[in-house]
PDB file of N, CA and C in Angstrom:
ATOM      1  N   UNK A   1     176.541-254.286  20.990  1.00  0.00           N
ATOM      2  CA  UNK A   1     175.572-253.213  21.130  1.00  0.00           C
ATOM      3  C   UNK A   1     175.560-252.402  19.837  1.00  0.00           C
ATOM      4  N   UNK A   2     174.384-251.871  19.498  1.00  0.00           N
ATOM      5  CA  UNK A   2     174.211-251.065  18.282  1.00  0.00           C
ATOM      6  C   UNK A   2     173.530-249.746  18.621  1.00  0.00           C
ATOM      7  N   UNK A   3     173.812-248.746  17.802  1.00  0.00           N
ATOM      8  CA  UNK A   3     173.116-247.468  17.856  1.00  0.00           C
ATOM      9  C   UNK A   3     172.273-247.368  16.596  1.00  0.00           C
ATOM     10  N   UNK A   4     170.971-247.216  16.784  1.00  0.00           N
ATOM     11  CA  UNK A   4     170.058-247.036  15.654  1.00  0.00           C
ATOM     12  C   UNK A   4     169.737-245.548  15.587  1.00  0.00           C
ATOM     13  N   UNK A   5     170.008-244.957  14.436  1.00  0.00           N
ATOM     14  CA  UNK A   5     169.668-243.555  14.192  1.00  0.00           C
ATOM     15  C   UNK A   5     168.554-243.572  13.154  1.00  0.00           C
ATOM     16  N   UNK A   6     167.364-243.160  13.571  1.00  0.00           N
ATOM     17  CA  UNK A   6     166.199-243.206  12.686  1.00  0.00           C
ATOM     18  C   UNK A   6     165.662-241.797  12.481  1.00  0.00           C
ATOM     19  N   UNK A   7     165.629-241.362  11.240  1.00  0.00           N
ATOM     20  CA  UNK A   7     165.046-240.064  10.894  1.00  0.00           C
ATOM     21  C   UNK A   7     163.634-240.346  10.406  1.00  0.00           C
ATOM     22  N   UNK A   8     162.654-239.866  11.180  1.00  0.00           N
ATOM     23  CA  UNK A   8     161.250-240.147  10.871  1.00  0.00           C
ATOM     24  C   UNK A   8     160.495-238.831  10.713  1.00  0.00           C
ATOM     25  N   UNK A   9     159.390-238.886   9.998  1.00  0.00           N
ATOM     26  CA  UNK A   9     158.565-237.697   9.811  1.00  0.00           C
ATOM     27  C   UNK A   9     157.914-237.335  11.141  1.00  0.00           C
ATOM     28  N   UNK A  10     157.760-236.045  11.389  1.00  0.00           N
ATOM     29  CA  UNK A  10     157.195-235.558  12.637  1.00  0.00           C
ATOM     30  C   UNK A  10     155.870-236.204  12.990  1.00  0.00           C
ATOM     31  N   UNK A  11     155.034-236.470  11.991  1.00  0.00           N
ATOM     32  CA  UNK A  11     153.720-237.084  12.233  1.00  0.00           C
ATOM     33  C   UNK A  11     153.820-238.490  12.813  1.00  0.00           C
ATOM     34  N   UNK A  12     154.922-239.186  12.513  1.00  0.00           N
ATOM     35  CA  UNK A  12     155.073-240.571  12.945  1.00  0.00           C
ATOM     36  C   UNK A  12     155.884-240.706  14.226  1.00  0.00           C
ATOM     37  N   UNK A  13     156.502-239.633  14.673  1.00  0.00           N
ATOM     38  CA  UNK A  13     157.465-239.717  15.772  1.00  0.00           C
ATOM     39  C   UNK A  13     156.848-240.190  17.079  1.00  0.00           C
ATOM     40  N   UNK A  14     155.784-239.577  17.520  1.00  0.00           N
ATOM     41  CA  UNK A  14     155.213-239.912  18.824  1.00  0.00           C
ATOM     42  C   UNK A  14     154.754-241.360  18.861  1.00  0.00           C
ATOM     43  N   UNK A  15     154.082-241.791  17.814  1.00  0.00           N
ATOM     44  CA  UNK A  15     153.594-243.168  17.751  1.00  0.00           C
ATOM     45  C   UNK A  15     154.767-244.158  17.803  1.00  0.00           C
ATOM     46  N   UNK A  16     155.857-243.817  17.138  1.00  0.00           N
ATOM     47  CA  UNK A  16     157.032-244.686  17.115  1.00  0.00           C
ATOM     48  C   UNK A  16     157.699-244.747  18.482  1.00  0.00           C
ATOM     49  N   UNK A  17     157.849-243.599  19.135  1.00  0.00           N
ATOM     50  CA  UNK A  17     158.464-243.562  20.470  1.00  0.00           C
ATOM     51  C   UNK A  17     157.634-244.365  21.462  1.00  0.00           C
ATOM     52  N   UNK A  18     156.324-244.238  21.409  1.00  0.00           N
ATOM     53  CA  UNK A  18     155.444-244.992  22.315  1.00  0.00           C
ATOM     54  C   UNK A  18     155.586-246.490  22.065  1.00  0.00           C
ATOM     55  N   UNK A  19     155.617-246.899  20.809  1.00  0.00           N
ATOM     56  CA  UNK A  19     155.751-248.324  20.486  1.00  0.00           C
ATOM     57  C   UNK A  19     157.083-248.876  20.996  1.00  0.00           C
ATOM     58  N   UNK A  20     158.154-248.106  20.830  1.00  0.00           N
ATOM     59  CA  UNK A  20     159.458-248.532  21.334  1.00  0.00           C
ATOM     60  C   UNK A  20     159.443-248.632  22.857  1.00  0.00           C
ATOM     61  N   UNK A  21     158.892-247.618  23.516  1.00  0.00           N
ATOM     62  CA  UNK A  21     158.841-247.594  24.983  1.00  0.00           C
ATOM     63  C   UNK A  21     158.017-248.762  25.520  1.00  0.00           C
ATOM     64  N   UNK A  22     156.910-249.071  24.866  1.00  0.00           N
ATOM     65  CA  UNK A  22     156.069-250.194  25.295  1.00  0.00           C
ATOM     66  C   UNK A  22     156.825-251.520  25.257  1.00  0.00           C
ATOM     67  N   UNK A  23     157.831-251.624  24.401  1.00  0.00           N
ATOM     68  CA  UNK A  23     158.642-252.845  24.305  1.00  0.00           C
ATOM     69  C   UNK A  23     159.919-252.744  25.140  1.00  0.00           C
ATOM     70  N   UNK A  24     160.033-251.682  25.960  1.00  0.00           N
ATOM     71  CA  UNK A  24     161.185-251.535  26.835  1.00  0.00           C
ATOM     72  C   UNK A  24     162.422-250.992  26.162  1.00  0.00           C
ATOM     73  N   UNK A  25     162.246-250.343  25.013  1.00  0.00           N
ATOM     74  CA  UNK A  25     163.378-249.782  24.264  1.00  0.00           C
ATOM     75  C   UNK A  25     163.358-248.275  24.429  1.00  0.00           C
ATOM     76  N   UNK A  26     164.399-247.743  25.033  1.00  0.00           N
ATOM     77  CA  UNK A  26     164.504-246.295  25.254  1.00  0.00           C
ATOM     78  C   UNK A  26     165.029-245.602  24.007  1.00  0.00           C
ATOM     79  N   UNK A  27     164.654-244.346  23.852  1.00  0.00           N
ATOM     80  CA  UNK A  27     165.141-243.562  22.711  1.00  0.00           C
ATOM     81  C   UNK A  27     165.318-242.116  23.135  1.00  0.00           C
ATOM     82  N   UNK A  28     166.147-241.424  22.401  1.00  0.00           N
ATOM     83  CA  UNK A  28     166.326-239.987  22.574  1.00  0.00           C
ATOM     84  C   UNK A  28     165.782-239.318  21.331  1.00  0.00           C
ATOM     85  N   UNK A  29     164.926-238.342  21.518  1.00  0.00           N
ATOM     86  CA  UNK A  29     164.232-237.662  20.417  1.00  0.00           C
ATOM     87  C   UNK A  29     164.880-236.306  20.177  1.00  0.00           C
ATOM     88  N   UNK A  30     165.273-236.056  18.932  1.00  0.00           N
ATOM     89  CA  UNK A  30     165.908-234.797  18.553  1.00  0.00           C
ATOM     90  C   UNK A  30     165.126-234.202  17.382  1.00  0.00           C
ATOM     91  N   UNK A  31     164.641-232.967  17.535  1.00  0.00           N
ATOM     92  CA  UNK A  31     163.925-232.306  16.439  1.00  0.00           C
ATOM     93  C   UNK A  31     164.920-231.997  15.330  1.00  0.00           C
ATOM     94  N   UNK A  32     164.505-232.217  14.091  1.00  0.00           N
ATOM     95  CA  UNK A  32     165.381-231.957  12.949  1.00  0.00           C
ATOM     96  C   UNK A  32     164.524-231.594  11.743  1.00  0.00           C
ATOM     97  N   UNK A  33     165.166-231.116  10.718  1.00  0.00           N
ATOM     98  CA  UNK A  33     164.473-230.870   9.455  1.00  0.00           C
ATOM     99  C   UNK A  33     165.431-231.222   8.337  1.00  0.00           C
ATOM    100  N   UNK A  34     164.875-231.499   7.197  1.00  0.00           N
ATOM    101  CA  UNK A  34     165.763-231.869   6.109  1.00  0.00           C
ATOM    102  C   UNK A  34     164.992-232.318   4.901  1.00  0.00           C
ATOM    103  N   UNK A  35     165.719-232.840   3.956  1.00  0.00           N
ATOM    104  CA  UNK A  35     165.125-233.243   2.702  1.00  0.00           C
ATOM    105  C   UNK A  35     164.827-232.026   1.851  1.00  0.00           C
ATOM    106  N   UNK A  36     164.467-232.272   0.631  1.00  0.00           N
ATOM    107  CA  UNK A  36     164.220-231.143  -0.253  1.00  0.00           C
ATOM    108  C   UNK A  36     162.947-230.394   0.105  1.00  0.00           C
ATOM    109  N   UNK A  37     162.087-230.979   0.951  1.00  0.00           N
ATOM    110  CA  UNK A  37     160.857-230.301   1.336  1.00  0.00           C
ATOM    111  C   UNK A  37     161.037-229.452   2.589  1.00  0.00           C
ATOM    112  N   UNK A  38     162.135-229.643   3.297  1.00  0.00           N
ATOM    113  CA  UNK A  38     162.423-228.906   4.532  1.00  0.00           C
ATOM    114  C   UNK A  38     161.291-229.013   5.543  1.00  0.00           C
ATOM    115  N   UNK A  39     160.690-230.191   5.631  1.00  0.00           N
ATOM    116  CA  UNK A  39     159.614-230.408   6.591  1.00  0.00           C
ATOM    117  C   UNK A  39     160.192-230.922   7.903  1.00  0.00           C
ATOM    118  N   UNK A  40     159.426-230.783   8.968  1.00  0.00           N
ATOM    119  CA  UNK A  40     159.887-231.207  10.280  1.00  0.00           C
ATOM    120  C   UNK A  40     160.046-232.713  10.386  1.00  0.00           C
ATOM    121  N   UNK A  41     161.196-233.114  10.857  1.00  0.00           N
ATOM    122  CA  UNK A  41     161.486-234.515  11.118  1.00  0.00           C
ATOM    123  C   UNK A  41     161.871-234.662  12.575  1.00  0.00           C
ATOM    124  N   UNK A  42     161.979-235.881  12.992  1.00  0.00           N
ATOM    125  CA  UNK A  42     162.510-236.193  14.310  1.00  0.00           C
ATOM    126  C   UNK A  42     163.581-237.248  14.101  1.00  0.00           C
ATOM    127  N   UNK A  43     164.728-237.044  14.723  1.00  0.00           N
ATOM    128  CA  UNK A  43     165.784-238.042  14.688  1.00  0.00           C
ATOM    129  C   UNK A  43     165.752-238.777  16.022  1.00  0.00           C
ATOM    130  N   UNK A  44     165.576-240.082  15.952  1.00  0.00           N
ATOM    131  CA  UNK A  44     165.561-240.922  17.149  1.00  0.00           C
ATOM    132  C   UNK A  44     166.906-241.625  17.265  1.00  0.00           C
ATOM    133  N   UNK A  45     167.517-241.492  18.422  1.00  0.00           N
ATOM    134  CA  UNK A  45     168.749-242.225  18.713  1.00  0.00           C
ATOM    135  C   UNK A  45     168.381-243.330  19.693  1.00  0.00           C
ATOM    136  N   UNK A  46     168.635-244.566  19.283  1.00  0.00           N
ATOM    137  CA  UNK A  46     168.184-245.730  20.035  1.00  0.00           C
ATOM    138  C   UNK A  46     169.381-246.652  20.256  1.00  0.00           C
ATOM    139  N   UNK A  47     169.751-246.850  21.506  1.00  0.00           N
ATOM    140  CA  UNK A  47     170.817-247.789  21.827  1.00  0.00           C
ATOM    141  C   UNK A  47     170.215-249.105  22.257  1.00  0.00           C
ATOM    142  N   UNK A  48     170.599-250.194  21.570  1.00  0.00           N
ATOM    143  CA  UNK A  48     170.028-251.506  21.878  1.00  0.00           C
ATOM    144  C   UNK A  48     171.112-252.581  21.825  1.00  0.00           C
ATOM    145  N   UNK A  49     170.836-253.660  22.536  1.00  0.00           N
ATOM    146  CA  UNK A  49     171.687-254.847  22.417  1.00  0.00           C
ATOM    147  C   UNK A  49     171.455-255.453  21.038  1.00  0.00           C
ATOM    148  N   UNK A  50     172.431-256.213  20.573  1.00  0.00           N
ATOM    149  CA  UNK A  50     172.338-256.809  19.232  1.00  0.00           C
ATOM    150  C   UNK A  50     171.045-257.606  19.033  1.00  0.00           C
ATOM    151  N   UNK A  51     170.599-258.286  20.075  1.00  0.00           N
ATOM    152  CA  UNK A  51     169.391-259.117  19.968  1.00  0.00           C
ATOM    153  C   UNK A  51     168.122-258.288  19.786  1.00  0.00           C
ATOM    154  N   UNK A  52     168.150-257.007  20.142  1.00  0.00           N
ATOM    155  CA  UNK A  52     166.954-256.157  20.041  1.00  0.00           C
ATOM    156  C   UNK A  52     166.885-255.361  18.742  1.00  0.00           C
ATOM    157  N   UNK A  53     167.907-255.432  17.920  1.00  0.00           N
ATOM    158  CA  UNK A  53     167.940-254.617  16.697  1.00  0.00           C
ATOM    159  C   UNK A  53     166.748-254.919  15.805  1.00  0.00           C
ATOM    160  N   UNK A  54     166.473-256.188  15.554  1.00  0.00           N
ATOM    161  CA  UNK A  54     165.373-256.550  14.656  1.00  0.00           C
ATOM    162  C   UNK A  54     164.024-256.101  15.209  1.00  0.00           C
ATOM    163  N   UNK A  55     163.851-256.197  16.520  1.00  0.00           N
ATOM    164  CA  UNK A  55     162.589-255.763  17.145  1.00  0.00           C
ATOM    165  C   UNK A  55     162.419-254.259  16.949  1.00  0.00           C
ATOM    166  N   UNK A  56     163.474-253.499  17.207  1.00  0.00           N
ATOM    167  CA  UNK A  56     163.403-252.040  17.050  1.00  0.00           C
ATOM    168  C   UNK A  56     163.129-251.660  15.597  1.00  0.00           C
ATOM    169  N   UNK A  57     163.800-252.311  14.663  1.00  0.00           N
ATOM    170  CA  UNK A  57     163.578-252.008  13.240  1.00  0.00           C
ATOM    171  C   UNK A  57     162.147-252.343  12.822  1.00  0.00           C
ATOM    172  N   UNK A  58     161.606-253.439  13.333  1.00  0.00           N
ATOM    173  CA  UNK A  58     160.228-253.816  13.007  1.00  0.00           C
ATOM    174  C   UNK A  58     159.248-252.777  13.541  1.00  0.00           C
ATOM    175  N   UNK A  59     159.474-252.291  14.761  1.00  0.00           N
ATOM    176  CA  UNK A  59     158.591-251.269  15.337  1.00  0.00           C
ATOM    177  C   UNK A  59     158.653-249.975  14.529  1.00  0.00           C
ATOM    178  N   UNK A  60     159.844-249.589  14.101  1.00  0.00           N
ATOM    179  CA  UNK A  60     159.979-248.396  13.265  1.00  0.00           C
ATOM    180  C   UNK A  60     159.226-248.599  11.953  1.00  0.00           C
ATOM    181  N   UNK A  61     159.398-249.760  11.356  1.00  0.00           N
ATOM    182  CA  UNK A  61     158.725-250.069  10.091  1.00  0.00           C
ATOM    183  C   UNK A  61     157.207-250.025  10.234  1.00  0.00           C
ATOM    184  N   UNK A  62     156.688-250.542  11.332  1.00  0.00           N
ATOM    185  CA  UNK A  62     155.239-250.579  11.542  1.00  0.00           C
ATOM    186  C   UNK A  62     154.634-249.202  11.816  1.00  0.00           C
ATOM    187  N   UNK A  63     155.416-248.282  12.337  1.00  0.00           N
ATOM    188  CA  UNK A  63     154.870-246.992  12.769  1.00  0.00           C
ATOM    189  C   UNK A  63     155.238-245.809  11.889  1.00  0.00           C
ATOM    190  N   UNK A  64     156.075-245.998  10.919  1.00  0.00           N
ATOM    191  CA  UNK A  64     156.470-244.916  10.001  1.00  0.00           C
ATOM    192  C   UNK A  64     156.030-245.306   8.605  1.00  0.00           C
ATOM    193  N   UNK A  65     155.209-244.471   8.007  1.00  0.00           N
ATOM    194  CA  UNK A  65     154.696-244.826   6.677  1.00  0.00           C
ATOM    195  C   UNK A  65     154.863-243.665   5.710  1.00  0.00           C
ATOM    196  N   UNK A  66     154.948-244.016   4.444  1.00  0.00           N
ATOM    197  CA  UNK A  66     154.991-242.986   3.416  1.00  0.00           C
ATOM    198  C   UNK A  66     153.582-242.520   3.128  1.00  0.00           C
ATOM    199  N   UNK A  67     153.469-241.275   2.720  1.00  0.00           N
ATOM    200  CA  UNK A  67     152.173-240.724   2.337  1.00  0.00           C
ATOM    201  C   UNK A  67     152.402-239.741   1.195  1.00  0.00           C
ATOM    202  N   UNK A  68     151.335-239.473   0.450  1.00  0.00           N
ATOM    203  CA  UNK A  68     151.418-238.534  -0.674  1.00  0.00           C
ATOM    204  C   UNK A  68     151.063-237.134  -0.200  1.00  0.00           C
ATOM    205  N   UNK A  69     151.756-236.159  -0.730  1.00  0.00           N
ATOM    206  CA  UNK A  69     151.463-234.751  -0.494  1.00  0.00           C
ATOM    207  C   UNK A  69     151.488-234.036  -1.840  1.00  0.00           C
ATOM    208  N   UNK A  70     150.656-233.025  -1.942  1.00  0.00           N
ATOM    209  CA  UNK A  70     150.677-232.183  -3.136  1.00  0.00           C
ATOM    210  C   UNK A  70     151.325-230.860  -2.752  1.00  0.00           C
ATOM    211  N   UNK A  71     152.384-230.524  -3.441  1.00  0.00           N
ATOM    212  CA  UNK A  71     153.112-229.289  -3.171  1.00  0.00           C
ATOM    213  C   UNK A  71     153.181-228.446  -4.433  1.00  0.00           C
ATOM    214  N   UNK A  72     153.105-227.162  -4.248  1.00  0.00           N
ATOM    215  CA  UNK A  72     153.245-226.245  -5.377  1.00  0.00           C
ATOM    216  C   UNK A  72     154.698-225.788  -5.432  1.00  0.00           C
ATOM    217  N   UNK A  73     155.380-226.076  -6.531  1.00  0.00           N
ATOM    218  CA  UNK A  73     156.787-225.692  -6.622  1.00  0.00           C
ATOM    219  C   UNK A  73     156.957-224.175  -6.623  1.00  0.00           C
ATOM    220  N   UNK A  74     158.107-223.740  -6.135  1.00  0.00           N
ATOM    221  CA  UNK A  74     158.414-222.312  -6.135  1.00  0.00           C
ATOM    222  C   UNK A  74     158.731-221.903  -7.563  1.00  0.00           C
ATOM    223  N   UNK A  75     158.090-220.852  -8.061  1.00  0.00           N
ATOM    224  CA  UNK A  75     158.336-220.463  -9.449  1.00  0.00           C
ATOM    225  C   UNK A  75     159.759-219.929  -9.618  1.00  0.00           C
ATOM    226  N   UNK A  76     160.351-220.169 -10.785  1.00  0.00           N
ATOM    227  CA  UNK A  76     161.686-219.622 -11.040  1.00  0.00           C
ATOM    228  C   UNK A  76     161.599-218.100 -11.189  1.00  0.00           C
ATOM    229  N   UNK A  77     162.733-217.460 -11.038  1.00  0.00           N
ATOM    230  CA  UNK A  77     162.765-216.008 -11.257  1.00  0.00           C
ATOM    231  C   UNK A  77     162.451-215.735 -12.721  1.00  0.00           C
ATOM    232  N   UNK A  78     161.480-214.920 -12.943  1.00  0.00           N
ATOM    233  CA  UNK A  78     161.035-214.638 -14.308  1.00  0.00           C
ATOM    234  C   UNK A  78     161.399-213.215 -14.688  1.00  0.00           C
ATOM    235  N   UNK A  79     161.546-213.025 -15.959  1.00  0.00           N
ATOM    236  CA  UNK A  79     161.798-211.691 -16.488  1.00  0.00           C
ATOM    237  C   UNK A  79     160.505-210.895 -16.428  1.00  0.00           C
ATOM    238  N   UNK A  80     160.574-209.594 -16.322  1.00  0.00           N
ATOM    239  CA  UNK A  80     159.351-208.788 -16.328  1.00  0.00           C
ATOM    240  C   UNK A  80     158.501-209.100 -17.559  1.00  0.00           C
ATOM    241  N   UNK A  81     157.236-209.284 -17.332  1.00  0.00           N
ATOM    242  CA  UNK A  81     156.309-209.572 -18.430  1.00  0.00           C
ATOM    243  C   UNK A  81     156.094-211.055 -18.656  1.00  0.00           C
ATOM    244  N   UNK A  82     156.956-211.922 -18.097  1.00  0.00           N
ATOM    245  CA  UNK A  82     156.761-213.359 -18.262  1.00  0.00           C
ATOM    246  C   UNK A  82     155.762-213.849 -17.221  1.00  0.00           C
ATOM    247  N   UNK A  83     155.087-214.934 -17.553  1.00  0.00           N
ATOM    248  CA  UNK A  83     154.084-215.483 -16.649  1.00  0.00           C
ATOM    249  C   UNK A  83     154.388-216.955 -16.399  1.00  0.00           C
ATOM    250  N   UNK A  84     154.398-217.348 -15.158  1.00  0.00           N
ATOM    251  CA  UNK A  84     154.650-218.746 -14.799  1.00  0.00           C
ATOM    252  C   UNK A  84     153.507-219.250 -13.941  1.00  0.00           C
ATOM    253  N   UNK A  85     152.873-220.321 -14.375  1.00  0.00           N
ATOM    254  CA  UNK A  85     151.768-220.900 -13.621  1.00  0.00           C
ATOM    255  C   UNK A  85     152.262-222.184 -12.967  1.00  0.00           C
ATOM    256  N   UNK A  86     152.317-222.188 -11.641  1.00  0.00           N
ATOM    257  CA  UNK A  86     152.779-223.366 -10.917  1.00  0.00           C
ATOM    258  C   UNK A  86     151.605-224.301 -10.645  1.00  0.00           C
ATOM    259  N   UNK A  87     151.791-225.564 -10.958  1.00  0.00           N
ATOM    260  CA  UNK A  87     150.774-226.573 -10.699  1.00  0.00           C
ATOM    261  C   UNK A  87     151.252-227.471  -9.568  1.00  0.00           C
ATOM    262  N   UNK A  88     150.346-227.904  -8.708  1.00  0.00           N
ATOM    263  CA  UNK A  88     150.756-228.806  -7.622  1.00  0.00           C
ATOM    264  C   UNK A  88     151.350-230.099  -8.174  1.00  0.00           C
ATOM    265  N   UNK A  89     152.356-230.598  -7.461  1.00  0.00           N
ATOM    266  CA  UNK A  89     153.039-231.822  -7.838  1.00  0.00           C
ATOM    267  C   UNK A  89     152.902-232.814  -6.688  1.00  0.00           C
ATOM    268  N   UNK A  90     152.588-234.056  -7.015  1.00  0.00           N
ATOM    269  CA  UNK A  90     152.468-235.082  -5.980  1.00  0.00           C
ATOM    270  C   UNK A  90     153.851-235.633  -5.649  1.00  0.00           C
ATOM    271  N   UNK A  91     154.182-235.658  -4.353  1.00  0.00           N
ATOM    272  CA  UNK A  91     155.457-236.218  -3.898  1.00  0.00           C
ATOM    273  C   UNK A  91     155.186-237.180  -2.740  1.00  0.00           C
ATOM    274  N   UNK A  92     156.079-238.132  -2.562  1.00  0.00           N
ATOM    275  CA  UNK A  92     155.984-239.076  -1.454  1.00  0.00           C
ATOM    276  C   UNK A  92     156.820-238.553  -0.292  1.00  0.00           C
ATOM    277  N   UNK A  93     156.233-238.484   0.887  1.00  0.00           N
ATOM    278  CA  UNK A  93     156.944-238.051   2.087  1.00  0.00           C
ATOM    279  C   UNK A  93     156.722-239.097   3.174  1.00  0.00           C
ATOM    280  N   UNK A  94     157.545-239.052   4.181  1.00  0.00           N
ATOM    281  CA  UNK A  94     157.378-239.953   5.304  1.00  0.00           C
ATOM    282  C   UNK A  94     158.262-241.167   5.203  1.00  0.00           C
ATOM    283  N   UNK A  95     157.852-242.200   5.890  1.00  0.00           N
ATOM    284  CA  UNK A  95     158.701-243.367   6.004  1.00  0.00           C
ATOM    285  C   UNK A  95     159.793-243.072   7.014  1.00  0.00           C
ATOM    286  N   UNK A  96     160.893-243.750   6.913  1.00  0.00           N
ATOM    287  CA  UNK A  96     162.010-243.532   7.829  1.00  0.00           C
ATOM    288  C   UNK A  96     163.312-243.838   7.115  1.00  0.00           C
ATOM    289  N   UNK A  97     164.332-243.118   7.496  1.00  0.00           N
ATOM    290  CA  UNK A  97     165.692-243.418   7.059  1.00  0.00           C
ATOM    291  C   UNK A  97     166.420-243.886   8.306  1.00  0.00           C
ATOM    292  N   UNK A  98     166.954-245.102   8.252  1.00  0.00           N
ATOM    293  CA  UNK A  98     167.506-245.723   9.455  1.00  0.00           C
ATOM    294  C   UNK A  98     168.955-246.150   9.219  1.00  0.00           C
ATOM    295  N   UNK A  99     169.794-245.809  10.185  1.00  0.00           N
ATOM    296  CA  UNK A  99     171.191-246.223  10.184  1.00  0.00           C
ATOM    297  C   UNK A  99     171.414-247.084  11.421  1.00  0.00           C
ATOM    298  N   UNK A 100     172.085-248.202  11.257  1.00  0.00           N
ATOM    299  CA  UNK A 100     172.443-249.053  12.391  1.00  0.00           C
ATOM    300  C   UNK A 100     173.967-249.126  12.413  1.00  0.00           C
ATOM    301  N   UNK A 101     174.544-248.649  13.505  1.00  0.00           N
ATOM    302  CA  UNK A 101     176.008-248.598  13.597  1.00  0.00           C
ATOM    303  C   UNK A 101     176.468-249.303  14.878  1.00  0.00           C
ATOM    304  N   UNK A 102     177.640-249.941  14.815  1.00  0.00           N
ATOM    305  CA  UNK A 102     178.154-250.609  16.008  1.00  0.00           C
ATOM    306  C   UNK A 102     178.612-249.594  17.055  1.00  0.00           C
ATOM    307  N   UNK A 103     178.503-249.984  18.326  1.00  0.00           N
ATOM    308  CA  UNK A 103     178.917-249.133  19.432  1.00  0.00           C
ATOM    309  C   UNK A 103     180.104-249.791  20.105  1.00  0.00           C
ATOM    310  N   UNK A 104     181.213-249.077  20.181  1.00  0.00           N
ATOM    311  CA  UNK A 104     182.417-249.619  20.826  1.00  0.00           C
ATOM    312  C   UNK A 104     182.309-249.540  22.345  1.00  0.00           C
ATOM    313  N   UNK A 105     181.659-248.479  22.833  1.00  0.00           N
ATOM    314  CA  UNK A 105     181.582-248.285  24.273  1.00  0.00           C
ATOM    315  C   UNK A 105     180.264-247.609  24.612  1.00  0.00           C
ATOM    316  N   UNK A 106     179.704-247.973  25.753  1.00  0.00           N
ATOM    317  CA  UNK A 106     178.464-247.371  26.220  1.00  0.00           C
ATOM    318  C   UNK A 106     178.552-247.166  27.724  1.00  0.00           C
ATOM    319  N   UNK A 107     178.260-245.968  28.171  1.00  0.00           N
ATOM    320  CA  UNK A 107     178.249-245.665  29.594  1.00  0.00           C
ATOM    321  C   UNK A 107     177.015-244.849  29.910  1.00  0.00           C
ATOM    322  N   UNK A 108     176.341-245.200  30.987  1.00  0.00           N
ATOM    323  CA  UNK A 108     175.202-244.423  31.447  1.00  0.00           C
ATOM    324  C   UNK A 108     175.624-243.722  32.723  1.00  0.00           C
ATOM    325  N   UNK A 109     175.686-242.404  32.670  1.00  0.00           N
ATOM    326  CA  UNK A 109     176.206-241.622  33.790  1.00  0.00           C
ATOM    327  C   UNK A 109     175.089-240.832  34.451  1.00  0.00           C
TER     328      UNK A 109
END
């Protein structure tokens, strides 16, 4: 048995959970935030038999995608009289960060 921990962007979470559920794979959804952008993420905890790992990873891959965002950086602290003009910067967000770890014991209570 394996535990899949998938950190996905909030926009992709619902679609991913539905795809997993449609294939009979249960997940636990935990709201989280992180990364240098501090945007909303969802951490999915998915317990599966070894034979289902590839199916779950494929579903995550199909439903979580990277996208471009333009963000304006926070200006540094400036001395009085200095002027700083912040320009939007394109960054890639989204996709998924996935960890697959072995499970020594599993109990459903």
